[in-house]
Protein backbone atom coordinates (compact mmCIF):
# COMPACT_ATOMS: atom_id res chain seq x y z
CA MET A 1 6.72 -7.17 -21.62
CA ARG A 2 9.51 -6.24 -19.94
CA THR A 3 11.17 -2.95 -18.86
CA ALA A 4 14.61 -2.49 -17.37
CA VAL A 5 15.03 -0.41 -14.57
CA VAL A 6 17.77 1.91 -14.43
CA CYS A 7 18.56 4.86 -12.21
CA LEU A 8 19.01 8.57 -13.21
CA GLY A 9 18.26 12.25 -12.04
CA LEU A 10 16.66 11.22 -9.35
CA ALA A 11 20.08 9.72 -7.72
CA ALA A 12 21.55 13.21 -8.67
CA ALA A 13 18.42 15.30 -6.84
CA LEU A 14 18.65 13.17 -3.62
CA GLY A 15 22.66 13.76 -3.00
CA LEU A 16 23.44 10.36 -3.75
CA GLY A 17 25.80 10.10 -6.82
CA GLY A 18 24.37 7.15 -8.22
CA CYS A 19 22.59 3.84 -7.79
CA ALA A 20 26.01 2.05 -6.71
CA SER A 21 27.18 4.79 -4.43
CA SER A 22 24.09 4.73 -2.50
CA SER A 23 25.41 1.98 -0.33
CA ILE A 24 22.46 -0.44 -1.14
CA SER A 25 23.32 -3.42 -3.23
CA MET A 26 20.88 -4.65 -5.56
CA ASP A 27 22.77 -8.12 -4.16
CA ALA A 28 21.63 -6.99 -0.67
CA LEU A 29 17.93 -7.00 -1.31
CA GLY A 30 17.20 -10.68 -2.12
CA ASP A 31 15.46 -12.49 -4.40
CA GLN A 32 12.30 -12.01 -3.59
CA SER A 33 9.81 -10.07 -6.38
CA ILE A 34 8.54 -7.08 -5.13
CA ALA A 35 4.85 -6.53 -6.67
CA VAL A 36 3.48 -3.09 -7.84
CA LEU A 37 1.43 -1.49 -9.95
CA TYR A 38 3.02 -0.16 -12.87
CA ARG A 39 2.66 2.99 -15.13
CA THR A 40 4.95 3.67 -18.04
CA PRO A 41 5.90 7.20 -18.43
CA GLU A 42 3.42 8.35 -20.45
CA GLU A 43 1.02 6.88 -18.53
CA SER A 44 2.23 8.44 -15.58
CA ARG A 45 2.18 11.53 -17.13
CA ARG A 46 -1.91 10.82 -18.08
CA ARG A 47 -2.30 9.70 -14.98
CA ALA A 48 -1.66 13.42 -13.23
CA GLU A 49 -3.32 15.19 -15.64
CA LEU A 50 -6.61 13.18 -15.64
CA ALA A 51 -5.95 12.73 -11.23
CA GLY A 52 -5.94 16.91 -10.89
CA LYS A 53 -9.18 16.95 -12.91
CA ALA A 54 -10.96 14.47 -11.22
CA LYS A 55 -12.81 15.72 -8.48
CA ALA A 56 -12.02 14.86 -4.93
CA PRO A 57 -14.66 13.36 -2.38
CA ALA A 58 -16.71 16.01 -0.76
CA ARG A 59 -15.32 15.54 3.12
CA ARG A 60 -18.47 15.06 5.53
CA ARG A 61 -18.89 15.88 8.80
CA GLY A 62 -19.31 12.16 10.48
CA GLY A 63 -17.74 10.65 7.48
CA VAL A 64 -15.50 9.53 5.69
CA ALA A 65 -13.20 12.65 5.89
CA HIS A 66 -11.14 11.34 2.60
CA LEU A 67 -10.21 8.28 0.81
CA ASN A 68 -6.23 9.09 0.14
CA GLN A 69 -5.53 5.51 -0.20
CA LEU A 70 -8.10 4.72 -2.89
CA PRO A 71 -7.07 5.37 -6.53
CA SER A 72 -8.32 8.29 -8.01
CA TYR A 73 -9.29 6.13 -10.98
CA PHE A 74 -12.18 4.70 -9.39
CA ARG A 75 -14.00 7.99 -9.50
CA LEU A 76 -13.38 8.43 -13.35
CA PRO A 77 -15.49 6.50 -16.38
CA GLN A 78 -14.22 3.13 -17.22
CA ASN A 79 -12.66 4.47 -20.76
CA GLN A 80 -10.45 6.85 -19.05
CA ARG A 81 -9.40 4.91 -16.19
CA GLU A 82 -7.45 2.40 -19.11
CA ARG A 83 -5.73 5.22 -20.45
CA PHE A 84 -3.34 5.69 -17.08
CA ALA A 85 -4.33 2.59 -15.21
CA GLY A 86 -0.96 1.11 -15.17
CA LYS A 87 -0.30 -2.94 -14.89
CA LEU A 88 0.46 -4.88 -11.41
CA ALA A 89 3.85 -6.04 -12.76
CA MET A 90 6.97 -7.72 -10.40
CA LEU A 91 9.74 -6.27 -9.95
CA ARG A 92 11.99 -8.76 -10.12
CA LEU A 93 15.47 -8.45 -7.60
CA PRO A 94 18.08 -8.95 -7.76
CA THR A 95 18.20 -8.24 -11.98
CA GLY A 96 15.74 -4.67 -11.12
CA GLU A 97 13.47 -5.37 -14.16
CA VAL A 98 9.92 -4.82 -14.50
CA GLU A 99 7.58 -7.68 -15.28
CA VAL A 100 4.03 -6.77 -16.19
CA VAL A 101 1.92 -9.86 -15.23
CA ASP A 102 -1.35 -11.22 -17.57
CA PHE A 103 -3.44 -12.53 -14.01
CA ALA A 104 -4.59 -8.89 -13.59
CA VAL A 105 -7.05 -6.58 -15.38
CA PRO A 106 -5.43 -2.78 -15.78
CA GLY A 107 -5.25 -0.47 -12.41
CA ALA A 108 -4.82 -3.64 -10.17
CA ARG A 109 -3.43 -2.99 -7.07
CA PRO A 110 -0.92 -5.54 -4.72
CA GLN A 111 -1.62 -5.43 -1.03
CA ALA A 112 0.25 -8.99 0.27
CA TRP A 113 1.54 -11.86 -0.32
CA SER A 114 0.91 -14.92 1.94
CA ASP A 115 3.72 -15.97 4.21
CA ASP A 116 4.56 -18.71 2.15
CA ARG A 117 4.80 -16.03 -1.01
CA GLN A 118 2.46 -18.74 -3.45
CA ARG A 119 -0.28 -16.25 -3.17
CA LEU A 120 -0.85 -12.66 -3.39
CA LEU A 121 -3.94 -10.42 -2.80
CA PHE A 122 -4.69 -7.24 -4.77
CA ALA A 123 -7.50 -5.37 -5.43
CA ALA A 124 -9.02 -4.51 -8.86
CA VAL A 125 -11.99 -3.13 -10.83
CA ARG A 126 -13.26 -5.38 -13.30
CA GLY A 127 -15.69 -3.06 -16.21
CA ASP A 128 -17.60 -0.57 -14.28
CA ALA A 129 -18.40 -2.47 -10.80
CA ARG A 130 -16.91 -1.45 -8.00
CA PRO A 131 -13.26 -2.37 -6.76
CA GLN A 132 -13.12 -5.51 -4.95
CA LEU A 133 -10.55 -7.86 -3.70
CA PHE A 134 -8.94 -10.61 -5.54
CA GLU A 135 -6.07 -14.10 -4.67
CA TRP A 136 -3.68 -14.72 -7.63
CA GLU A 137 -2.03 -18.30 -7.22
CA ARG A 138 1.21 -18.58 -8.01
CA GLU A 139 1.57 -22.80 -8.72
CA SER A 140 -2.02 -22.96 -10.71
CA GLY A 141 -2.06 -19.17 -12.09
CA HIS A 142 -5.76 -19.06 -10.86
CA VAL A 143 -7.65 -15.84 -9.61
CA ARG A 144 -10.49 -16.04 -7.62
CA ALA A 145 -12.13 -12.96 -6.15
CA VAL A 146 -11.91 -12.75 -2.42
CA THR A 147 -14.78 -9.82 -1.78
CA ARG A 148 -18.18 -8.85 -3.93
CA GLY A 149 -19.92 -6.10 -3.93
CA PRO A 150 -22.16 -4.07 -3.72
CA ALA A 151 -19.57 -2.46 -1.31
CA ILE A 152 -16.18 -1.12 -2.58
CA HIS A 153 -13.46 -3.78 -0.36
CA GLY A 154 -10.23 -2.14 -1.57
CA MET A 155 -7.71 -3.01 1.13
CA GLY A 156 -6.84 -5.67 3.04
CA ASP A 157 -3.97 -7.99 4.84
CA TYR A 158 -3.51 -11.76 4.85
CA GLY A 159 -3.73 -13.54 8.91
CA PRO A 160 -2.75 -16.42 10.38
CA ASN A 161 -4.25 -19.57 9.15
CA ASP A 162 -5.47 -18.19 6.27
CA ARG A 163 -7.85 -15.38 7.65
CA LEU A 164 -8.52 -11.96 5.97
CA VAL A 165 -8.84 -8.66 7.43
CA TYR A 166 -9.82 -6.13 4.83
CA THR A 167 -12.08 -2.58 4.58
CA GLU A 168 -15.64 -2.15 3.75
CA LEU A 169 -16.56 1.18 1.98
CA ALA A 170 -20.35 1.84 1.46
CA ARG A 171 -22.82 4.43 1.46
CA GLU A 172 -25.04 4.43 4.87
CA ALA A 173 -27.82 7.64 5.18
CA GLY A 174 -26.21 9.65 2.79
CA HIS A 175 -22.72 8.94 4.10
CA LEU A 176 -19.81 6.91 3.00
CA VAL A 177 -18.56 4.86 5.79
CA SER A 178 -15.52 2.81 5.96
CA ARG A 179 -14.86 -0.03 8.52
CA ILE A 180 -13.09 -3.02 8.77
CA LEU A 181 -13.82 -6.69 8.69
CA VAL A 182 -12.22 -10.04 9.59
CA THR A 183 -12.73 -13.25 8.73
CA GLY A 184 -12.13 -16.90 10.51
CA PRO A 185 -9.77 -19.23 9.05
CA GLY A 186 -10.07 -20.46 5.56
CA GLY A 187 -11.17 -16.60 4.71
CA ALA A 188 -14.88 -17.45 5.92
CA SER A 189 -17.16 -16.07 7.97
CA PRO A 190 -16.55 -12.57 7.72
CA ARG A 191 -17.75 -10.15 10.57
CA VAL A 192 -17.16 -6.54 11.47
CA LEU A 193 -14.38 -5.44 13.61
CA THR A 194 -14.89 -1.59 14.00
CA ASP A 195 -18.34 0.06 13.04
CA GLY A 196 -16.06 3.41 11.48
CA PRO A 197 -17.39 5.65 9.73
CA SER A 198 -13.80 5.88 8.89
CA ASP A 199 -11.46 2.94 9.66
CA TYR A 200 -9.28 1.54 6.88
CA SER A 201 -6.08 0.27 5.50
CA PRO A 202 -5.43 -2.79 8.08
CA SER A 203 -2.24 -4.22 8.40
CA TRP A 204 -2.17 -7.86 11.10
CA SER A 205 0.72 -8.44 12.92
CA PRO A 206 2.94 -11.73 11.86
CA ASP A 207 1.64 -13.37 15.64
CA GLY A 208 -1.95 -13.08 14.79
CA ARG A 209 -2.51 -10.73 17.73
CA THR A 210 -2.92 -7.54 16.70
CA LEU A 211 -4.55 -5.45 14.10
CA VAL A 212 -3.15 -1.92 13.06
CA TYR A 213 -5.30 0.32 10.77
CA VAL A 214 -6.28 4.05 10.24
CA ARG A 215 -8.77 6.12 11.81
CA VAL A 216 -9.85 9.38 10.19
CA GLY A 217 -11.22 11.60 12.36
CA HIS A 218 -12.78 14.89 12.28
CA GLY A 219 -11.08 17.49 9.95
CA GLY A 220 -9.20 15.03 8.44
CA ARG A 221 -6.73 13.40 10.76
CA SER A 222 -5.32 10.11 9.96
CA GLU A 223 -4.45 8.53 13.38
CA LEU A 224 -2.80 4.72 13.84
CA ILE A 225 -5.13 2.27 15.78
CA ALA A 226 -3.69 -0.53 17.44
CA HIS A 227 -6.68 -3.05 17.70
CA THR A 228 -6.01 -6.26 20.21
CA LEU A 229 -8.02 -9.52 18.82
CA GLU A 230 -7.99 -11.00 22.07
CA THR A 231 -9.74 -9.03 24.25
CA GLY A 232 -10.95 -6.04 21.44
CA GLN A 233 -8.95 -3.67 23.32
CA GLU A 234 -7.91 -0.36 21.34
CA LYS A 235 -4.61 2.08 22.23
CA SER A 236 -3.81 4.96 19.75
CA LEU A 237 -0.35 5.18 17.80
CA GLY A 238 -0.45 8.79 17.06
CA PRO A 239 -1.32 10.40 13.67
CA GLY A 240 -0.40 8.22 10.61
CA ARG A 241 -1.33 6.26 7.59
CA ASP A 242 0.15 3.15 5.99
CA PRO A 243 0.61 0.85 8.46
CA THR A 244 2.64 -2.23 7.78
CA PHE A 245 4.51 -4.62 10.55
CA THR A 246 8.33 -5.95 10.27
CA PRO A 247 8.27 -9.03 9.89
CA ASP A 248 9.46 -9.58 13.09
CA GLY A 249 6.11 -8.16 14.77
CA ASP A 250 8.38 -5.60 16.76
CA TRP A 251 7.79 -2.02 14.64
CA VAL A 252 5.11 -0.88 12.78
CA ILE A 253 6.78 1.71 9.74
CA TYR A 254 4.43 3.94 8.56
CA SER A 255 3.71 7.11 7.01
CA GLY A 256 3.52 10.37 9.53
CA ARG A 257 3.26 13.92 8.41
CA THR A 258 6.09 16.42 9.95
CA ARG A 259 7.19 19.74 9.18
CA SER A 260 9.42 18.70 5.76
CA GLY A 261 5.97 16.69 4.80
CA TRP A 262 4.98 12.95 4.72
CA ARG A 263 8.12 11.16 6.02
CA LEU A 264 8.38 7.43 6.84
CA ARG A 265 8.55 7.09 10.42
CA ARG A 266 8.19 3.46 13.00
CA VAL A 267 6.79 2.90 16.79
CA ARG A 268 6.05 0.25 18.41
CA PRO A 269 2.48 -1.56 18.67
CA ASP A 270 2.72 -0.23 22.16
CA GLY A 271 2.98 3.31 21.20
CA SER A 272 6.66 3.56 22.35
CA GLY A 273 9.73 4.19 20.41
CA ARG A 274 8.01 6.52 17.68
CA ALA A 275 11.13 7.97 15.58
CA THR A 276 11.60 9.08 11.83
CA LEU A 277 13.18 6.75 9.38
CA GLY A 278 15.86 8.01 7.69
CA SER A 279 15.58 11.65 6.03
CA GLY A 280 14.30 12.90 2.62
CA ILE A 281 13.22 15.69 0.61
CA TYR A 282 9.66 14.22 -1.07
CA ASP A 283 6.28 13.31 0.58
CA GLU A 284 6.65 9.36 1.15
CA GLN A 285 3.97 6.65 1.30
CA PHE A 286 2.67 2.89 0.92
CA PRO A 287 5.86 1.41 2.89
CA ALA A 288 6.76 -2.36 2.18
CA VAL A 289 9.32 -4.00 4.56
CA SER A 290 11.47 -6.88 2.95
CA PRO A 291 10.97 -10.56 4.18
CA ASP A 292 14.28 -10.40 5.87
CA GLY A 293 13.46 -7.00 7.67
CA ARG A 294 16.91 -5.01 6.70
CA PHE A 295 14.83 -3.01 3.79
CA VAL A 296 11.82 -0.96 3.34
CA ALA A 297 10.46 -0.37 -0.20
CA TYR A 298 8.47 2.92 -0.37
CA VAL A 299 6.72 5.45 -2.71
CA ALA A 300 7.92 8.98 -3.13
CA ASP A 301 6.15 11.82 -4.95
CA VAL A 302 8.31 13.15 -7.30
CA GLU A 303 7.12 16.59 -9.57
CA GLY A 304 3.15 14.21 -10.38
CA GLY A 305 5.09 10.65 -10.49
CA GLN A 306 5.03 7.73 -7.87
CA ARG A 307 8.69 6.53 -7.62
CA LEU A 308 9.30 3.73 -6.30
CA PHE A 309 12.84 3.76 -3.81
CA VAL A 310 14.38 1.42 -0.94
CA ARG A 311 15.60 2.03 2.00
CA ARG A 312 17.37 0.06 5.06
CA THR A 313 14.59 -0.48 8.12
CA ASP A 314 17.18 1.34 10.07
CA GLY A 315 17.22 4.75 8.26
CA SER A 316 21.00 4.54 6.74
CA ALA A 317 20.54 4.41 3.20
CA VAL A 318 18.67 5.15 0.17
CA ARG A 319 18.14 3.67 -2.91
CA VAL A 320 16.11 4.50 -6.40
CA LEU A 321 14.28 1.12 -7.23
CA ILE A 322 11.87 2.83 -10.48
CA ASP A 323 12.22 6.18 -11.33
CA GLN A 324 11.06 5.67 -15.14
CA GLY A 325 7.81 5.72 -14.82
CA ASP A 326 4.97 5.38 -12.00
CA GLY A 327 5.91 2.39 -9.21
CA THR A 328 3.34 2.53 -6.38
CA ALA A 329 1.23 0.01 -4.29
CA PRO A 330 4.32 -2.37 -3.32
CA ALA A 331 3.90 -5.59 -1.82
CA TRP A 332 6.99 -7.12 -0.82
């Protein structure tokens, strides 16, 4: 199935006057596809209705304060999930077409591409099982399970030498505990990197030396933590969530809370240079940087929908990529 992407009301709402005048041409974005979780307009509407009815996880002292990046359909019965789960799809650049793929079950969420772009890591729920990580191999078309339950493994990233970093969420002594695990070369011998209880959303630096992840403290405050693998030392990079490195490793782009809501921000791995990345009028989350480092795709919450945008990494321009239906969880 192919769905043409068009730019309609959102461009006007942003003051762009249409796609052509946004100063980001589709040709400038290169030819590497962006993997997304795509929902049709009807699925988007149904998701907003059902997600609003889903009971949010209770806050627990000393446990996971919130699981904002685990989709709400993970907490709904399977028959309800499939009514608005959406499909893993490829946003083809520079044509702007959305092509739904057939290798993943409904609701699969992209996580990361391998450096050679021959493998895609994604999270999915098969049947009534708990969310796990899977890998699609482009050349063979084969899909293999990367993690297995009973714990939830819903977020991950690739590292050097085919290593993986991922989140493990399990119930211990009546509390939800979320921690970060890393594997050895080839994805073997996973070990616990952090004890939790509220660590998630890891991102691995291009040079393989640093991991940045989110730690949720008491009261639900999300904080970025930089972990140096060689020494085990950790440093707070300040409040934020959804961290991802630029390809040169010079910056961590993330979603940070401002007086106007959640906005894209950037900070160096040593904690310096913190700044807001451009400006917008909607909450912004899930940044994914282009392979050349010039652009960042992100998701904006617009009237109950999750629309996909792209902005220059210097914050100078913005363009709508998907505004008909939802485009979320981008992996570029």
